N, C-alpha and C. Protein backbone atom coordinates (compact mmCIF):
# COMPACT_ATOMS: atom_id res chain seq x y z
N UNK A 1 -2.13 2.40 -17.14
CA UNK A 1 -0.76 2.87 -17.04
C UNK A 1 0.18 1.70 -17.23
N UNK A 2 1.10 1.85 -18.07
CA UNK A 2 2.08 0.80 -18.35
C UNK A 2 3.35 1.08 -17.56
N UNK A 3 3.79 0.09 -16.80
CA UNK A 3 5.02 0.21 -16.01
C UNK A 3 6.05 -0.74 -16.60
N UNK A 4 7.21 -0.23 -16.99
CA UNK A 4 8.25 -1.12 -17.52
C UNK A 4 8.64 -2.17 -16.48
N UNK A 5 8.88 -3.39 -16.95
CA UNK A 5 9.20 -4.51 -16.06
C UNK A 5 10.38 -4.22 -15.14
N UNK A 6 11.36 -3.49 -15.63
CA UNK A 6 12.56 -3.26 -14.82
C UNK A 6 12.27 -2.41 -13.58
N UNK A 7 11.14 -1.71 -13.53
CA UNK A 7 10.80 -0.88 -12.38
C UNK A 7 9.82 -1.54 -11.42
N UNK A 8 9.18 -2.59 -11.83
CA UNK A 8 8.11 -3.18 -11.03
C UNK A 8 8.58 -3.68 -9.67
N UNK A 9 9.70 -4.37 -9.61
CA UNK A 9 10.16 -4.90 -8.32
C UNK A 9 10.53 -3.76 -7.36
N UNK A 10 11.09 -2.69 -7.88
CA UNK A 10 11.44 -1.55 -7.04
C UNK A 10 10.18 -0.86 -6.53
N UNK A 11 9.18 -0.75 -7.38
CA UNK A 11 7.92 -0.13 -6.97
C UNK A 11 7.23 -0.99 -5.92
N UNK A 12 7.22 -2.29 -6.09
CA UNK A 12 6.59 -3.19 -5.10
C UNK A 12 7.32 -3.06 -3.76
N UNK A 13 8.63 -3.01 -3.79
CA UNK A 13 9.41 -2.86 -2.55
C UNK A 13 9.08 -1.53 -1.86
N UNK A 14 8.98 -0.46 -2.63
CA UNK A 14 8.64 0.84 -2.07
C UNK A 14 7.22 0.83 -1.49
N UNK A 15 6.31 0.16 -2.16
CA UNK A 15 4.94 0.04 -1.65
C UNK A 15 4.90 -0.76 -0.35
N UNK A 16 5.71 -1.80 -0.26
CA UNK A 16 5.78 -2.58 0.97
C UNK A 16 6.28 -1.72 2.13
N UNK A 17 7.29 -0.90 1.88
CA UNK A 17 7.81 0.00 2.91
C UNK A 17 6.75 1.02 3.33
N UNK A 18 6.05 1.56 2.36
CA UNK A 18 4.99 2.54 2.65
C UNK A 18 3.84 1.88 3.42
N UNK A 19 3.49 0.68 3.02
CA UNK A 19 2.42 -0.05 3.70
C UNK A 19 2.81 -0.33 5.15
N UNK A 20 4.05 -0.67 5.38
CA UNK A 20 4.54 -0.90 6.74
C UNK A 20 4.42 0.37 7.58
N UNK A 21 4.80 1.50 7.02
CA UNK A 21 4.72 2.78 7.72
C UNK A 21 3.27 3.11 8.06
N UNK A 22 2.37 2.95 7.11
CA UNK A 22 0.95 3.23 7.33
C UNK A 22 0.39 2.28 8.39
N UNK A 23 0.80 1.02 8.34
CA UNK A 23 0.33 0.05 9.33
C UNK A 23 0.78 0.43 10.74
N UNK A 24 2.01 0.92 10.87
CA UNK A 24 2.49 1.36 12.18
C UNK A 24 1.67 2.54 12.68
N UNK A 25 1.38 3.48 11.79
CA UNK A 25 0.57 4.64 12.16
C UNK A 25 -0.83 4.21 12.59
N UNK A 26 -1.41 3.27 11.87
CA UNK A 26 -2.75 2.77 12.22
C UNK A 26 -2.73 1.99 13.54
N UNK A 27 -1.65 1.28 13.79
CA UNK A 27 -1.54 0.50 15.03
C UNK A 27 -1.56 1.43 16.25
N UNK A 28 -0.98 2.61 16.10
CA UNK A 28 -0.99 3.59 17.20
C UNK A 28 -2.41 4.06 17.50
N UNK A 29 -3.28 4.01 16.51
CA UNK A 29 -4.65 4.50 16.65
C UNK A 29 -5.63 3.38 17.03
N UNK A 30 -5.15 2.17 17.14
CA UNK A 30 -6.02 1.03 17.42
C UNK A 30 -6.79 1.26 18.72
N UNK A 31 -8.08 1.03 18.65
CA UNK A 31 -8.93 1.19 19.81
C UNK A 31 -9.45 2.59 20.02
N UNK A 32 -8.94 3.51 19.24
CA UNK A 32 -9.40 4.90 19.36
C UNK A 32 -10.57 5.14 18.40
N UNK A 33 -11.27 6.25 18.57
CA UNK A 33 -12.39 6.55 17.67
C UNK A 33 -11.95 6.65 16.21
N UNK A 34 -12.90 6.46 15.32
CA UNK A 34 -12.63 6.52 13.88
C UNK A 34 -12.58 7.98 13.45
N UNK A 35 -11.41 8.58 13.62
CA UNK A 35 -11.22 9.99 13.28
C UNK A 35 -11.01 10.15 11.78
N UNK A 36 -11.02 11.38 11.34
CA UNK A 36 -10.77 11.68 9.93
C UNK A 36 -9.39 11.18 9.51
N UNK A 37 -8.42 11.37 10.38
CA UNK A 37 -7.05 10.93 10.06
C UNK A 37 -6.98 9.41 9.96
N UNK A 38 -7.67 8.72 10.85
CA UNK A 38 -7.67 7.26 10.81
C UNK A 38 -8.38 6.75 9.56
N UNK A 39 -9.48 7.39 9.17
CA UNK A 39 -10.18 7.02 7.94
C UNK A 39 -9.28 7.23 6.73
N UNK A 40 -8.55 8.34 6.73
CA UNK A 40 -7.65 8.65 5.62
C UNK A 40 -6.56 7.59 5.50
N UNK A 41 -5.97 7.22 6.64
CA UNK A 41 -4.92 6.20 6.63
C UNK A 41 -5.45 4.83 6.20
N UNK A 42 -6.66 4.50 6.64
CA UNK A 42 -7.26 3.22 6.25
C UNK A 42 -7.51 3.18 4.74
N UNK A 43 -8.00 4.29 4.20
CA UNK A 43 -8.21 4.37 2.76
C UNK A 43 -6.89 4.26 2.01
N UNK A 44 -5.87 4.94 2.51
CA UNK A 44 -4.54 4.90 1.90
C UNK A 44 -3.99 3.47 1.93
N UNK A 45 -4.19 2.78 3.04
CA UNK A 45 -3.73 1.40 3.18
C UNK A 45 -4.40 0.51 2.12
N UNK A 46 -5.70 0.64 1.95
CA UNK A 46 -6.42 -0.15 0.94
C UNK A 46 -5.90 0.15 -0.47
N UNK A 47 -5.66 1.42 -0.75
CA UNK A 47 -5.18 1.80 -2.08
C UNK A 47 -3.79 1.24 -2.35
N UNK A 48 -2.92 1.29 -1.36
CA UNK A 48 -1.57 0.74 -1.51
C UNK A 48 -1.64 -0.76 -1.74
N UNK A 49 -2.48 -1.44 -0.96
CA UNK A 49 -2.63 -2.89 -1.12
C UNK A 49 -3.15 -3.24 -2.51
N UNK A 50 -4.11 -2.47 -3.00
CA UNK A 50 -4.67 -2.72 -4.33
C UNK A 50 -3.61 -2.51 -5.41
N UNK A 51 -2.87 -1.43 -5.30
CA UNK A 51 -1.82 -1.14 -6.28
C UNK A 51 -0.74 -2.22 -6.25
N UNK A 52 -0.36 -2.62 -5.05
CA UNK A 52 0.65 -3.67 -4.90
C UNK A 52 0.14 -4.97 -5.55
N UNK A 53 -1.11 -5.30 -5.32
CA UNK A 53 -1.69 -6.51 -5.91
C UNK A 53 -1.70 -6.43 -7.43
N UNK A 54 -2.09 -5.28 -7.96
CA UNK A 54 -2.14 -5.12 -9.42
C UNK A 54 -0.76 -5.30 -10.05
N UNK A 55 0.25 -4.72 -9.42
CA UNK A 55 1.60 -4.80 -9.97
C UNK A 55 2.14 -6.23 -9.87
N UNK A 56 1.95 -6.86 -8.71
CA UNK A 56 2.48 -8.22 -8.55
C UNK A 56 1.73 -9.20 -9.45
N UNK A 57 0.44 -9.00 -9.64
CA UNK A 57 -0.33 -9.86 -10.55
C UNK A 57 0.19 -9.72 -11.98
N UNK A 58 0.51 -8.49 -12.34
CA UNK A 58 1.05 -8.23 -13.67
C UNK A 58 2.45 -8.85 -13.82
N UNK A 59 3.22 -8.86 -12.74
CA UNK A 59 4.56 -9.46 -12.78
C UNK A 59 4.45 -10.96 -13.02
N UNK A 60 3.47 -11.61 -12.42
CA UNK A 60 3.28 -13.05 -12.58
C UNK A 60 2.87 -13.38 -14.02
N UNK A 61 2.04 -12.53 -14.61
CA UNK A 61 1.59 -12.73 -15.99
C UNK A 61 2.72 -12.58 -16.99
N UNK A 62 3.70 -11.72 -16.68
CA UNK A 62 4.78 -11.43 -17.64
C UNK A 62 5.77 -12.55 -17.75
């Protein structure tokens, strides 16, 4: 997927905000059993981090 350069910084900022929200949700679950919801949030967190890394790496290359 090709993302125009003019949108990359906005997307990274939005991903940072989303990652913060997911991190807060996960922090509330810290120490509790690994529920389906916690697994889902952990997976979502990894996906957001990966996407953020891909976009920022591409920004550095450009």
